[in-house]
Amino acid sequence: MHAVRNIRLCTKDCLCLFVCPTGATDTETGQIDASKCLDGCRLCVDACPSHAIFLIPKNYTPQQKKSEKTKQALKELAKSKAEQERLALDIAKETTDPTERQLARALARSLRILSEDLHRESGFMLPQDEATRAFLQEQLQKNSNSDDFPKEAVLRLLQLL
């Protein structure tokens, strides 16, 4: 396990800088150097007041096989969570009550995380999934002659996969 930061949640309180024993955190770029991060240390996770830092596994287990019907149900559920997130954000914009605004924003964040998890479970763009490799190869074939297409980056990603 190593720590990662969700830069959208980071309030740059910088407590992570003070508790990290290896100096793996960098608040300027928002990155946490996984090579310096101690396996499962979690000091920065526990210190972060904005809950922007969390642990992820260094290696993911293979995704469980799912039927097409199950994948479709997960995608539909993710779509409904995305719509609910939009509604919560609309409430946050329209309300004048600070407590309601804070609650609506928290609900929107929770729904975003749930939607992302559902997309991952349905096989959408998991790094280790064959769909990711196929997508990158398709983009490479379609856009390799384009000047603004990051061909080297896509080739590197394919190599890493």
C-alpha atoms as a PDB file:
ATOM      1  CA  MET A   1       0.000   0.000   0.000  1.00  0.00           C
ATOM      2  CA  HIS A   2       1.102   3.556  -0.657  1.00  0.00           C
ATOM      3  CA  ALA A   3      -0.473   6.960  -0.168  1.00  0.00           C
ATOM      4  CA  VAL A   4      -2.055   9.070  -2.907  1.00  0.00           C
ATOM      5  CA  ARG A   5      -3.630  12.510  -2.732  1.00  0.00           C
ATOM      6  CA  ASN A   6      -6.917  13.588  -4.296  1.00  0.00           C
ATOM      7  CA  ILE A   7      -5.846  17.090  -5.280  1.00  0.00           C
ATOM      8  CA  ARG A   8      -9.475  18.252  -5.596  1.00  0.00           C
ATOM      9  CA  LEU A   9      -9.980  17.632  -1.885  1.00  0.00           C
ATOM     10  CA  CYS A  10      -6.609  18.974  -0.736  1.00  0.00           C
ATOM     11  CA  THR A  11      -6.817  22.243   1.190  1.00  0.00           C
ATOM     12  CA  LYS A  12      -2.998  22.506   1.425  1.00  0.00           C
ATOM     13  CA  ASP A  13      -2.979  22.416   5.209  1.00  0.00           C
ATOM     14  CA  CYS A  14       0.375  20.668   4.767  1.00  0.00           C
ATOM     15  CA  LEU A  15       0.199  18.535   7.890  1.00  0.00           C
ATOM     16  CA  CYS A  16       1.296  15.637   5.701  1.00  0.00           C
ATOM     17  CA  LEU A  17       4.668  17.361   5.225  1.00  0.00           C
ATOM     18  CA  PHE A  18       5.313  17.393   8.955  1.00  0.00           C
ATOM     19  CA  VAL A  19       4.362  13.796   9.693  1.00  0.00           C
ATOM     20  CA  CYS A  20       5.864  12.018   6.671  1.00  0.00           C
ATOM     21  CA  PRO A  21       9.079  10.330   7.870  1.00  0.00           C
ATOM     22  CA  THR A  22      10.490   9.992   4.326  1.00  0.00           C
ATOM     23  CA  GLY A  23       9.529  13.314   2.716  1.00  0.00           C
ATOM     24  CA  ALA A  24       7.373  11.560   0.121  1.00  0.00           C
ATOM     25  CA  THR A  25       4.721  14.293   0.078  1.00  0.00           C
ATOM     26  CA  ASP A  26       4.901  17.335  -2.188  1.00  0.00           C
ATOM     27  CA  THR A  27       2.157  19.911  -1.754  1.00  0.00           C
ATOM     28  CA  GLU A  28       3.293  22.004  -4.713  1.00  0.00           C
ATOM     29  CA  THR A  29       2.581  19.302  -7.291  1.00  0.00           C
ATOM     30  CA  GLY A  30       0.049  17.360  -5.247  1.00  0.00           C
ATOM     31  CA  GLN A  31       2.052  14.193  -5.776  1.00  0.00           C
ATOM     32  CA  ILE A  32       3.171  11.620  -3.258  1.00  0.00           C
ATOM     33  CA  ASP A  33       6.295   9.747  -4.327  1.00  0.00           C
ATOM     34  CA  ALA A  34       5.297   6.079  -4.130  1.00  0.00           C
ATOM     35  CA  SER A  35       8.949   4.997  -4.153  1.00  0.00           C
ATOM     36  CA  LYS A  36       9.556   6.930  -0.906  1.00  0.00           C
ATOM     37  CA  CYS A  37       6.236   6.050   0.738  1.00  0.00           C
ATOM     38  CA  LEU A  38       6.521   3.463   3.518  1.00  0.00           C
ATOM     39  CA  ASP A  39       4.254   0.484   2.969  1.00  0.00           C
ATOM     40  CA  GLY A  40       1.112   1.049   5.038  1.00  0.00           C
ATOM     41  CA  CYS A  41       2.584   3.830   7.218  1.00  0.00           C
ATOM     42  CA  ARG A  42      -0.589   5.973   6.907  1.00  0.00           C
ATOM     43  CA  LEU A  43       0.720   8.849   9.054  1.00  0.00           C
ATOM     44  CA  CYS A  44      -0.200  11.351   6.322  1.00  0.00           C
ATOM     45  CA  VAL A  45      -3.613   9.730   5.866  1.00  0.00           C
ATOM     46  CA  ASP A  46      -4.434  10.124   9.544  1.00  0.00           C
ATOM     47  CA  ALA A  47      -3.027  13.677   9.723  1.00  0.00           C
ATOM     48  CA  CYS A  48      -4.833  15.094   6.667  1.00  0.00           C
ATOM     49  CA  PRO A  49      -7.725  17.293   7.894  1.00  0.00           C
ATOM     50  CA  SER A  50      -9.333  17.435   4.433  1.00  0.00           C
ATOM     51  CA  HIS A  51      -9.241  13.626   4.001  1.00  0.00           C
ATOM     52  CA  ALA A  52      -7.506  14.099   0.654  1.00  0.00           C
ATOM     53  CA  ILE A  53      -4.921  11.353   1.229  1.00  0.00           C
ATOM     54  CA  PHE A  54      -5.712   7.659   1.169  1.00  0.00           C
ATOM     55  CA  LEU A  55      -3.920   4.361   0.667  1.00  0.00           C
ATOM     56  CA  ILE A  56      -4.099   2.264  -2.475  1.00  0.00           C
ATOM     57  CA  PRO A  57      -2.567  -1.127  -3.146  1.00  0.00           C
ATOM     58  CA  LYS A  58       0.664  -1.257  -5.132  1.00  0.00           C
ATOM     59  CA  ASN A  59      -0.695  -4.221  -7.074  1.00  0.00           C
ATOM     60  CA  TYR A  60      -4.349  -4.798  -7.800  1.00  0.00           C
ATOM     61  CA  THR A  61      -5.845  -8.248  -7.729  1.00  0.00           C
ATOM     62  CA  PRO A  62      -7.329  -9.409 -11.024  1.00  0.00           C
ATOM     63  CA  GLN A  63     -10.862  -8.203 -11.536  1.00  0.00           C
ATOM     64  CA  GLN A  64     -13.566 -10.803 -11.022  1.00  0.00           C
ATOM     65  CA  LYS A  65     -15.347 -11.926 -14.156  1.00  0.00           C
ATOM     66  CA  LYS A  66     -18.818 -10.450 -14.561  1.00  0.00           C
ATOM     67  CA  SER A  67     -21.551 -11.238 -17.015  1.00  0.00           C
ATOM     68  CA  GLU A  68     -22.547  -8.592 -19.570  1.00  0.00           C
ATOM     69  CA  LYS A  69     -25.884  -8.252 -17.763  1.00  0.00           C
ATOM     70  CA  THR A  70     -24.090  -7.473 -14.488  1.00  0.00           C
ATOM     71  CA  LYS A  71     -21.742  -4.991 -16.212  1.00  0.00           C
ATOM     72  CA  GLN A  72     -24.706  -3.220 -17.778  1.00  0.00           C
ATOM     73  CA  ALA A  73     -26.509  -3.030 -14.420  1.00  0.00           C
ATOM     74  CA  LEU A  74     -23.377  -1.531 -12.816  1.00  0.00           C
ATOM     75  CA  LYS A  75     -23.111   1.054 -15.602  1.00  0.00           C
ATOM     76  CA  GLU A  76     -26.781   2.025 -15.194  1.00  0.00           C
ATOM     77  CA  LEU A  77     -26.345   2.347 -11.452  1.00  0.00           C
ATOM     78  CA  ALA A  78     -23.221   4.493 -11.974  1.00  0.00           C
ATOM     79  CA  LYS A  79     -25.185   6.693 -14.379  1.00  0.00           C
ATOM     80  CA  SER A  80     -27.900   7.226 -11.766  1.00  0.00           C
ATOM     81  CA  LYS A  81     -25.256   8.102  -9.132  1.00  0.00           C
ATOM     82  CA  ALA A  82     -23.757  10.664 -11.520  1.00  0.00           C
ATOM     83  CA  GLU A  83     -27.201  12.232 -11.961  1.00  0.00           C
ATOM     84  CA  GLN A  84     -27.692  12.286  -8.183  1.00  0.00           C
ATOM     85  CA  GLU A  85     -24.296  13.979  -7.809  1.00  0.00           C
ATOM     86  CA  ARG A  86     -25.386  16.655 -10.297  1.00  0.00           C
ATOM     87  CA  LEU A  87     -28.593  17.230  -8.321  1.00  0.00           C
ATOM     88  CA  ALA A  88     -26.664  17.511  -5.043  1.00  0.00           C
ATOM     89  CA  LEU A  89     -24.320  20.070  -6.618  1.00  0.00           C
ATOM     90  CA  ASP A  90     -27.339  22.018  -7.900  1.00  0.00           C
ATOM     91  CA  ILE A  91     -28.745  22.100  -4.368  1.00  0.00           C
ATOM     92  CA  ALA A  92     -25.366  23.297  -3.036  1.00  0.00           C
ATOM     93  CA  LYS A  93     -25.359  26.164  -5.571  1.00  0.00           C
ATOM     94  CA  GLU A  94     -28.956  27.233  -4.964  1.00  0.00           C
ATOM     95  CA  THR A  95     -29.227  27.076  -1.188  1.00  0.00           C
ATOM     96  CA  THR A  96     -28.392  30.017   1.021  1.00  0.00           C
ATOM     97  CA  ASP A  97     -28.120  27.881   4.160  1.00  0.00           C
ATOM     98  CA  PRO A  98     -24.434  27.078   4.856  1.00  0.00           C
ATOM     99  CA  THR A  99     -25.284  23.797   6.578  1.00  0.00           C
ATOM    100  CA  GLU A 100     -27.399  22.639   3.640  1.00  0.00           C
ATOM    101  CA  ARG A 101     -24.620  23.669   1.240  1.00  0.00           C
ATOM    102  CA  GLN A 102     -22.020  21.716   3.204  1.00  0.00           C
ATOM    103  CA  LEU A 103     -24.279  18.654   3.395  1.00  0.00           C
ATOM    104  CA  ALA A 104     -25.069  18.809  -0.334  1.00  0.00           C
ATOM    105  CA  ARG A 105     -21.365  19.066  -1.214  1.00  0.00           C
ATOM    106  CA  ALA A 106     -20.522  16.128   1.058  1.00  0.00           C
ATOM    107  CA  LEU A 107     -23.286  14.087  -0.534  1.00  0.00           C
ATOM    108  CA  ALA A 108     -22.027  15.000  -4.017  1.00  0.00           C
ATOM    109  CA  ARG A 109     -18.493  13.883  -3.086  1.00  0.00           C
ATOM    110  CA  SER A 110     -19.798  10.596  -1.721  1.00  0.00           C
ATOM    111  CA  LEU A 111     -21.853   9.994  -4.860  1.00  0.00           C
ATOM    112  CA  ARG A 112     -18.818  10.737  -7.061  1.00  0.00           C
ATOM    113  CA  ILE A 113     -16.752   8.136  -5.226  1.00  0.00           C
ATOM    114  CA  LEU A 114     -19.558   5.596  -5.465  1.00  0.00           C
ATOM    115  CA  SER A 115     -19.985   6.273  -9.180  1.00  0.00           C
ATOM    116  CA  GLU A 116     -16.251   5.864  -9.806  1.00  0.00           C
ATOM    117  CA  ASP A 117     -16.247   2.575  -7.896  1.00  0.00           C
ATOM    118  CA  LEU A 118     -19.205   1.307  -9.925  1.00  0.00           C
ATOM    119  CA  HIS A 119     -17.449   2.228 -13.165  1.00  0.00           C
ATOM    120  CA  ARG A 120     -14.341   0.354 -12.071  1.00  0.00           C
ATOM    121  CA  GLU A 121     -16.386  -2.686 -11.118  1.00  0.00           C
ATOM    122  CA  SER A 122     -18.072  -2.680 -14.519  1.00  0.00           C
ATOM    123  CA  GLY A 123     -14.607  -2.884 -16.095  1.00  0.00           C
ATOM    124  CA  PHE A 124     -14.465   0.685 -17.325  1.00  0.00           C
ATOM    125  CA  MET A 125     -10.844   1.685 -17.900  1.00  0.00           C
ATOM    126  CA  LEU A 126      -9.178  -0.387 -15.225  1.00  0.00           C
ATOM    127  CA  PRO A 127      -5.447  -0.191 -15.846  1.00  0.00           C
ATOM    128  CA  GLN A 128      -5.089  -3.957 -15.840  1.00  0.00           C
ATOM    129  CA  ASP A 129      -8.182  -4.524 -17.971  1.00  0.00           C
ATOM    130  CA  GLU A 130      -7.885  -5.551 -21.619  1.00  0.00           C
ATOM    131  CA  ALA A 131     -10.385  -2.791 -22.503  1.00  0.00           C
ATOM    132  CA  THR A 132      -7.793  -0.191 -21.486  1.00  0.00           C
ATOM    133  CA  ARG A 133      -5.136  -1.723 -23.706  1.00  0.00           C
ATOM    134  CA  ALA A 134      -7.578  -1.967 -26.627  1.00  0.00           C
ATOM    135  CA  PHE A 135      -8.655   1.660 -26.161  1.00  0.00           C
ATOM    136  CA  LEU A 136      -5.074   2.923 -26.142  1.00  0.00           C
ATOM    137  CA  GLN A 137      -4.170   0.872 -29.224  1.00  0.00           C
ATOM    138  CA  GLU A 138      -7.257   2.178 -31.025  1.00  0.00           C
ATOM    139  CA  GLN A 139      -6.344   5.775 -30.181  1.00  0.00           C
ATOM    140  CA  LEU A 140      -2.805   5.175 -31.348  1.00  0.00           C
ATOM    141  CA  GLN A 141      -4.034   3.864 -34.708  1.00  0.00           C
ATOM    142  CA  LYS A 142      -6.537   6.696 -35.186  1.00  0.00           C
ATOM    143  CA  ASN A 143      -4.373   9.599 -34.053  1.00  0.00           C
ATOM    144  CA  SER A 144      -0.717   8.648 -34.496  1.00  0.00           C
ATOM    145  CA  ASN A 145      -0.289  11.120 -37.380  1.00  0.00           C
ATOM    146  CA  SER A 146      -1.799  14.014 -35.439  1.00  0.00           C
ATOM    147  CA  ASP A 147       0.662  16.639 -34.177  1.00  0.00           C
ATOM    148  CA  ASP A 148      -1.152  17.155 -30.867  1.00  0.00           C
ATOM    149  CA  PHE A 149      -1.594  13.449 -30.034  1.00  0.00           C
ATOM    150  CA  PRO A 150       0.753  12.295 -27.218  1.00  0.00           C
ATOM    151  CA  LYS A 151       2.033   9.253 -29.113  1.00  0.00           C
ATOM    152  CA  GLU A 152       5.081   8.702 -26.870  1.00  0.00           C
ATOM    153  CA  ALA A 153       2.937   8.789 -23.734  1.00  0.00           C
ATOM    154  CA  VAL A 154       0.482   6.249 -25.155  1.00  0.00           C
ATOM    155  CA  LEU A 155       3.331   3.959 -26.240  1.00  0.00           C
ATOM    156  CA  ARG A 156       4.802   4.220 -22.731  1.00  0.00           C
ATOM    157  CA  LEU A 157       1.438   3.409 -21.140  1.00  0.00           C
ATOM    158  CA  LEU A 158       1.046   0.369 -23.385  1.00  0.00           C
ATOM    159  CA  GLN A 159       4.541  -0.746 -22.425  1.00  0.00           C
ATOM    160  CA  LEU A 160       3.701  -0.384 -18.712  1.00  0.00           C
ATOM    161  CA  LEU A 161       0.464  -2.310 -19.117  1.00  0.00           C
END
